[in-house]
Amino acid sequence: MTDSPPPERPSWLMPIAWFVLAAIVGVLVAAGVGMAAAGSESAGVAASNLAAFPLGFVCTGAAVALVVHFVARGAGVRTAVPLGCGCLGGIGAFLALGLFYAAIWPSL
């Protein structure tokens, strides 16, 4: 029987950085959309369209970074997977907002 050292655990830096980034972007996006919507409804709609991708990107990236922290050990995977899923999440948020404005908003 050999004494092998226990495997090194990955650092919490990546998930924490994603969550801090998501919080900062979330506050900035909410402030920007709020200020635009205070001026006019159409400006609020335009601002929310601009904010959909960044907010979807960081929120999805943060959630995936937390999951990948427990699943993957490689640094490349722990970096690339949240970025790729964040892009997909940003596109999904933009499309979902477009669907909302096209299908639900007019009936309100």
N, C-alpha and C. Protein backbone atom coordinates (compact mmCIF):
# COMPACT_ATOMS: atom_id res chain seq x y z
N MET A 1 0.83 -1.16 0.00
CA MET A 1 0.00 0.00 0.00
C MET A 1 0.89 1.24 0.00
N THR A 2 0.58 2.18 -0.89
CA THR A 2 1.40 3.39 -0.97
C THR A 2 0.65 4.56 -0.36
N ASP A 3 1.43 5.44 0.20
CA ASP A 3 0.84 6.66 0.76
C ASP A 3 0.90 7.75 -0.31
N SER A 4 -0.23 8.03 -0.90
CA SER A 4 -0.28 9.11 -1.89
C SER A 4 -0.95 10.33 -1.27
N PRO A 5 -0.48 11.49 -1.65
CA PRO A 5 -1.08 12.70 -1.07
C PRO A 5 -2.52 12.87 -1.57
N PRO A 6 -3.36 13.45 -0.75
CA PRO A 6 -4.74 13.66 -1.19
C PRO A 6 -4.78 14.64 -2.37
N PRO A 7 -5.76 14.48 -3.25
CA PRO A 7 -5.82 15.39 -4.40
C PRO A 7 -6.08 16.83 -3.94
N GLU A 8 -5.43 17.75 -4.66
CA GLU A 8 -5.56 19.16 -4.30
C GLU A 8 -6.93 19.69 -4.72
N ARG A 9 -7.59 20.37 -3.82
CA ARG A 9 -8.93 20.91 -4.11
C ARG A 9 -8.78 22.23 -4.85
N PRO A 10 -9.67 22.50 -5.79
CA PRO A 10 -9.59 23.77 -6.52
C PRO A 10 -9.96 24.96 -5.64
N SER A 11 -9.45 26.09 -6.02
CA SER A 11 -9.71 27.32 -5.27
C SER A 11 -11.13 27.82 -5.52
N TRP A 12 -11.66 28.54 -4.56
CA TRP A 12 -13.00 29.13 -4.68
C TRP A 12 -12.97 30.45 -5.43
N LEU A 13 -11.82 30.85 -5.93
CA LEU A 13 -11.67 32.15 -6.57
C LEU A 13 -12.60 32.32 -7.77
N MET A 14 -12.70 31.31 -8.62
CA MET A 14 -13.51 31.43 -9.83
C MET A 14 -15.00 31.62 -9.53
N PRO A 15 -15.64 30.78 -8.70
CA PRO A 15 -17.06 31.03 -8.42
C PRO A 15 -17.31 32.35 -7.71
N ILE A 16 -16.42 32.73 -6.79
CA ILE A 16 -16.60 33.99 -6.08
C ILE A 16 -16.48 35.16 -7.05
N ALA A 17 -15.52 35.10 -7.96
CA ALA A 17 -15.35 36.17 -8.94
C ALA A 17 -16.58 36.30 -9.83
N TRP A 18 -17.15 35.17 -10.25
CA TRP A 18 -18.36 35.21 -11.08
C TRP A 18 -19.53 35.81 -10.31
N PHE A 19 -19.70 35.45 -9.05
CA PHE A 19 -20.82 35.99 -8.28
C PHE A 19 -20.64 37.48 -7.98
N VAL A 20 -19.42 37.92 -7.73
CA VAL A 20 -19.16 39.35 -7.54
C VAL A 20 -19.45 40.11 -8.83
N LEU A 21 -18.99 39.57 -9.96
CA LEU A 21 -19.26 40.19 -11.25
C LEU A 21 -20.75 40.24 -11.54
N ALA A 22 -21.47 39.17 -11.22
CA ALA A 22 -22.92 39.15 -11.42
C ALA A 22 -23.61 40.20 -10.56
N ALA A 23 -23.15 40.38 -9.34
CA ALA A 23 -23.76 41.38 -8.47
C ALA A 23 -23.50 42.79 -8.99
N ILE A 24 -22.29 43.06 -9.42
CA ILE A 24 -21.95 44.39 -9.94
C ILE A 24 -22.74 44.68 -11.21
N VAL A 25 -22.74 43.73 -12.14
CA VAL A 25 -23.48 43.93 -13.39
C VAL A 25 -24.97 44.05 -13.11
N GLY A 26 -25.49 43.26 -12.19
CA GLY A 26 -26.91 43.33 -11.86
C GLY A 26 -27.32 44.69 -11.33
N VAL A 27 -26.50 45.26 -10.45
CA VAL A 27 -26.81 46.58 -9.90
C VAL A 27 -26.71 47.65 -10.98
N LEU A 28 -25.67 47.58 -11.81
CA LEU A 28 -25.51 48.58 -12.87
C LEU A 28 -26.63 48.49 -13.90
N VAL A 29 -27.01 47.27 -14.27
CA VAL A 29 -28.09 47.08 -15.24
C VAL A 29 -29.42 47.57 -14.67
N ALA A 30 -29.69 47.25 -13.42
CA ALA A 30 -30.94 47.70 -12.81
C ALA A 30 -30.99 49.22 -12.73
N ALA A 31 -29.88 49.85 -12.39
CA ALA A 31 -29.84 51.31 -12.33
C ALA A 31 -30.03 51.92 -13.71
N GLY A 32 -29.36 51.35 -14.71
CA GLY A 32 -29.48 51.88 -16.06
C GLY A 32 -30.88 51.74 -16.63
N VAL A 33 -31.48 50.57 -16.45
CA VAL A 33 -32.84 50.36 -16.95
C VAL A 33 -33.82 51.23 -16.17
N GLY A 34 -33.63 51.36 -14.88
CA GLY A 34 -34.51 52.21 -14.08
C GLY A 34 -34.45 53.66 -14.49
N MET A 35 -33.24 54.17 -14.73
CA MET A 35 -33.11 55.56 -15.16
C MET A 35 -33.71 55.77 -16.55
N ALA A 36 -33.51 54.80 -17.44
CA ALA A 36 -34.07 54.93 -18.78
C ALA A 36 -35.58 54.85 -18.75
N ALA A 37 -36.12 53.95 -17.94
CA ALA A 37 -37.57 53.79 -17.86
C ALA A 37 -38.23 54.98 -17.18
N ALA A 38 -37.51 55.68 -16.33
CA ALA A 38 -38.08 56.86 -15.69
C ALA A 38 -38.33 57.97 -16.71
N GLY A 39 -37.52 58.00 -17.77
CA GLY A 39 -37.69 59.00 -18.80
C GLY A 39 -38.86 58.70 -19.73
N SER A 40 -38.91 57.48 -20.23
CA SER A 40 -40.01 57.09 -21.11
C SER A 40 -40.07 55.57 -21.18
N GLU A 41 -41.24 55.08 -21.54
CA GLU A 41 -41.44 53.63 -21.62
C GLU A 41 -40.61 53.03 -22.73
N SER A 42 -40.56 53.68 -23.87
CA SER A 42 -39.79 53.13 -24.99
C SER A 42 -38.29 53.12 -24.68
N ALA A 43 -37.81 54.09 -23.94
CA ALA A 43 -36.40 54.08 -23.53
C ALA A 43 -36.13 52.94 -22.55
N GLY A 44 -37.10 52.65 -21.69
CA GLY A 44 -36.95 51.52 -20.78
C GLY A 44 -36.92 50.19 -21.51
N VAL A 45 -37.75 50.06 -22.54
CA VAL A 45 -37.75 48.83 -23.35
C VAL A 45 -36.41 48.69 -24.07
N ALA A 46 -35.92 49.78 -24.64
CA ALA A 46 -34.64 49.73 -25.35
C ALA A 46 -33.50 49.39 -24.38
N ALA A 47 -33.52 49.98 -23.19
CA ALA A 47 -32.48 49.70 -22.20
C ALA A 47 -32.54 48.26 -21.72
N SER A 48 -33.73 47.72 -21.55
CA SER A 48 -33.83 46.33 -21.12
C SER A 48 -33.37 45.38 -22.23
N ASN A 49 -33.60 45.75 -23.47
CA ASN A 49 -33.07 44.94 -24.58
C ASN A 49 -31.55 44.94 -24.57
N LEU A 50 -30.95 46.08 -24.30
CA LEU A 50 -29.49 46.17 -24.22
C LEU A 50 -28.93 45.44 -23.01
N ALA A 51 -29.71 45.38 -21.94
CA ALA A 51 -29.23 44.78 -20.69
C ALA A 51 -29.43 43.27 -20.62
N ALA A 52 -30.25 42.72 -21.51
CA ALA A 52 -30.60 41.30 -21.41
C ALA A 52 -29.38 40.40 -21.55
N PHE A 53 -28.56 40.62 -22.57
CA PHE A 53 -27.41 39.75 -22.78
C PHE A 53 -26.40 39.81 -21.64
N PRO A 54 -25.95 41.01 -21.22
CA PRO A 54 -24.95 41.03 -20.13
C PRO A 54 -25.47 40.40 -18.84
N LEU A 55 -26.72 40.66 -18.51
CA LEU A 55 -27.27 40.10 -17.28
C LEU A 55 -27.41 38.58 -17.38
N GLY A 56 -27.91 38.10 -18.52
CA GLY A 56 -28.00 36.66 -18.72
C GLY A 56 -26.63 35.99 -18.72
N PHE A 57 -25.64 36.68 -19.29
CA PHE A 57 -24.28 36.14 -19.35
C PHE A 57 -23.70 35.94 -17.95
N VAL A 58 -23.75 36.97 -17.12
CA VAL A 58 -23.10 36.86 -15.81
C VAL A 58 -23.88 35.97 -14.85
N CYS A 59 -25.20 35.98 -14.93
CA CYS A 59 -25.98 35.12 -14.03
C CYS A 59 -25.80 33.65 -14.38
N THR A 60 -25.85 33.33 -15.66
CA THR A 60 -25.63 31.94 -16.08
C THR A 60 -24.19 31.52 -15.80
N GLY A 61 -23.24 32.40 -16.09
CA GLY A 61 -21.84 32.09 -15.81
C GLY A 61 -21.59 31.83 -14.34
N ALA A 62 -22.22 32.60 -13.47
CA ALA A 62 -22.03 32.40 -12.03
C ALA A 62 -22.61 31.07 -11.57
N ALA A 63 -23.80 30.74 -12.06
CA ALA A 63 -24.41 29.47 -11.66
C ALA A 63 -23.59 28.28 -12.16
N VAL A 64 -23.13 28.37 -13.39
CA VAL A 64 -22.34 27.27 -13.96
C VAL A 64 -20.97 27.19 -13.29
N ALA A 65 -20.38 28.32 -12.94
CA ALA A 65 -19.09 28.30 -12.25
C ALA A 65 -19.19 27.58 -10.92
N LEU A 66 -20.31 27.74 -10.24
CA LEU A 66 -20.50 27.05 -8.97
C LEU A 66 -20.63 25.54 -9.19
N VAL A 67 -21.38 25.15 -10.20
CA VAL A 67 -21.55 23.72 -10.49
C VAL A 67 -20.22 23.11 -10.93
N VAL A 68 -19.52 23.79 -11.83
CA VAL A 68 -18.26 23.27 -12.36
C VAL A 68 -17.21 23.17 -11.25
N HIS A 69 -17.30 24.02 -10.26
CA HIS A 69 -16.34 23.96 -9.16
C HIS A 69 -16.36 22.59 -8.48
N PHE A 70 -17.54 22.00 -8.38
CA PHE A 70 -17.65 20.70 -7.72
C PHE A 70 -17.46 19.52 -8.67
N VAL A 71 -17.62 19.75 -9.96
CA VAL A 71 -17.59 18.64 -10.92
C VAL A 71 -16.23 18.48 -11.58
N ALA A 72 -15.63 19.57 -12.04
CA ALA A 72 -14.40 19.51 -12.83
C ALA A 72 -13.19 19.90 -11.99
N ARG A 73 -12.06 19.34 -12.34
CA ARG A 73 -10.83 19.66 -11.63
C ARG A 73 -9.86 20.47 -12.49
N GLY A 74 -9.95 20.37 -13.80
CA GLY A 74 -9.02 21.07 -14.68
C GLY A 74 -9.29 22.56 -14.74
N ALA A 75 -8.22 23.35 -14.74
CA ALA A 75 -8.37 24.81 -14.77
C ALA A 75 -8.97 25.28 -16.09
N GLY A 76 -8.63 24.63 -17.20
CA GLY A 76 -9.18 25.02 -18.49
C GLY A 76 -10.67 24.81 -18.56
N VAL A 77 -11.12 23.69 -18.05
CA VAL A 77 -12.56 23.40 -18.04
C VAL A 77 -13.28 24.37 -17.11
N ARG A 78 -12.70 24.64 -15.97
CA ARG A 78 -13.34 25.54 -14.99
C ARG A 78 -13.39 26.97 -15.48
N THR A 79 -12.58 27.30 -16.50
CA THR A 79 -12.62 28.64 -17.09
C THR A 79 -13.53 28.69 -18.31
N ALA A 80 -13.41 27.71 -19.18
CA ALA A 80 -14.11 27.75 -20.46
C ALA A 80 -15.61 27.45 -20.34
N VAL A 81 -15.98 26.53 -19.48
CA VAL A 81 -17.39 26.14 -19.40
C VAL A 81 -18.28 27.29 -18.92
N PRO A 82 -17.93 28.03 -17.87
CA PRO A 82 -18.79 29.17 -17.51
C PRO A 82 -18.85 30.24 -18.60
N LEU A 83 -17.75 30.46 -19.31
CA LEU A 83 -17.78 31.45 -20.40
C LEU A 83 -18.71 31.01 -21.52
N GLY A 84 -18.61 29.75 -21.93
CA GLY A 84 -19.47 29.25 -23.00
C GLY A 84 -20.93 29.21 -22.59
N CYS A 85 -21.20 28.73 -21.41
CA CYS A 85 -22.59 28.68 -20.93
C CYS A 85 -23.12 30.08 -20.67
N GLY A 86 -22.26 31.01 -20.27
CA GLY A 86 -22.68 32.39 -20.09
C GLY A 86 -23.12 33.02 -21.40
N CYS A 87 -22.39 32.71 -22.47
CA CYS A 87 -22.80 33.22 -23.79
C CYS A 87 -24.16 32.65 -24.19
N LEU A 88 -24.35 31.37 -23.98
CA LEU A 88 -25.65 30.77 -24.29
C LEU A 88 -26.75 31.34 -23.41
N GLY A 89 -26.45 31.57 -22.15
CA GLY A 89 -27.43 32.16 -21.24
C GLY A 89 -27.79 33.59 -21.63
N GLY A 90 -26.81 34.35 -22.09
CA GLY A 90 -27.06 35.71 -22.54
C GLY A 90 -27.94 35.73 -23.78
N ILE A 91 -27.66 34.84 -24.72
CA ILE A 91 -28.49 34.75 -25.92
C ILE A 91 -29.89 34.30 -25.55
N GLY A 92 -30.00 33.34 -24.65
CA GLY A 92 -31.32 32.88 -24.20
C GLY A 92 -32.12 33.97 -23.50
N ALA A 93 -31.45 34.77 -22.68
CA ALA A 93 -32.14 35.87 -21.99
C ALA A 93 -32.62 36.91 -22.99
N PHE A 94 -31.80 37.20 -23.99
CA PHE A 94 -32.19 38.17 -25.01
C PHE A 94 -33.38 37.65 -25.81
N LEU A 95 -33.37 36.38 -26.18
CA LEU A 95 -34.49 35.80 -26.93
C LEU A 95 -35.76 35.72 -26.08
N ALA A 96 -35.61 35.38 -24.81
CA ALA A 96 -36.78 35.31 -23.93
C ALA A 96 -37.39 36.70 -23.73
N LEU A 97 -36.56 37.71 -23.60
CA LEU A 97 -37.07 39.07 -23.47
C LEU A 97 -37.77 39.51 -24.75
N GLY A 98 -37.18 39.15 -25.89
CA GLY A 98 -37.83 39.47 -27.17
C GLY A 98 -39.18 38.79 -27.30
N LEU A 99 -39.26 37.54 -26.86
CA LEU A 99 -40.55 36.84 -26.88
C LEU A 99 -41.54 37.51 -25.94
N PHE A 100 -41.08 37.93 -24.79
CA PHE A 100 -41.95 38.62 -23.85
C PHE A 100 -42.51 39.90 -24.46
N TYR A 101 -41.63 40.70 -25.08
CA TYR A 101 -42.09 41.96 -25.65
C TYR A 101 -42.97 41.74 -26.88
N ALA A 102 -42.78 40.65 -27.60
CA ALA A 102 -43.59 40.40 -28.79
C ALA A 102 -44.92 39.75 -28.46
N ALA A 103 -44.95 38.85 -27.49
CA ALA A 103 -46.18 38.09 -27.23
C ALA A 103 -46.99 38.57 -26.04
N ILE A 104 -46.32 39.00 -24.97
CA ILE A 104 -47.05 39.30 -23.73
C ILE A 104 -47.24 40.80 -23.54
N TRP A 105 -46.21 41.58 -23.80
CA TRP A 105 -46.27 43.02 -23.54
C TRP A 105 -47.43 43.72 -24.23
N PRO A 106 -47.73 43.42 -25.51
CA PRO A 106 -48.84 44.12 -26.16
C PRO A 106 -50.20 43.89 -25.50
N SER A 107 -50.38 42.74 -24.86
CA SER A 107 -51.68 42.46 -24.25
C SER A 107 -51.81 43.05 -22.85
N LEU A 108 -50.77 43.63 -22.32
CA LEU A 108 -50.85 44.21 -20.98
C LEU A 108 -51.53 45.54 -20.97
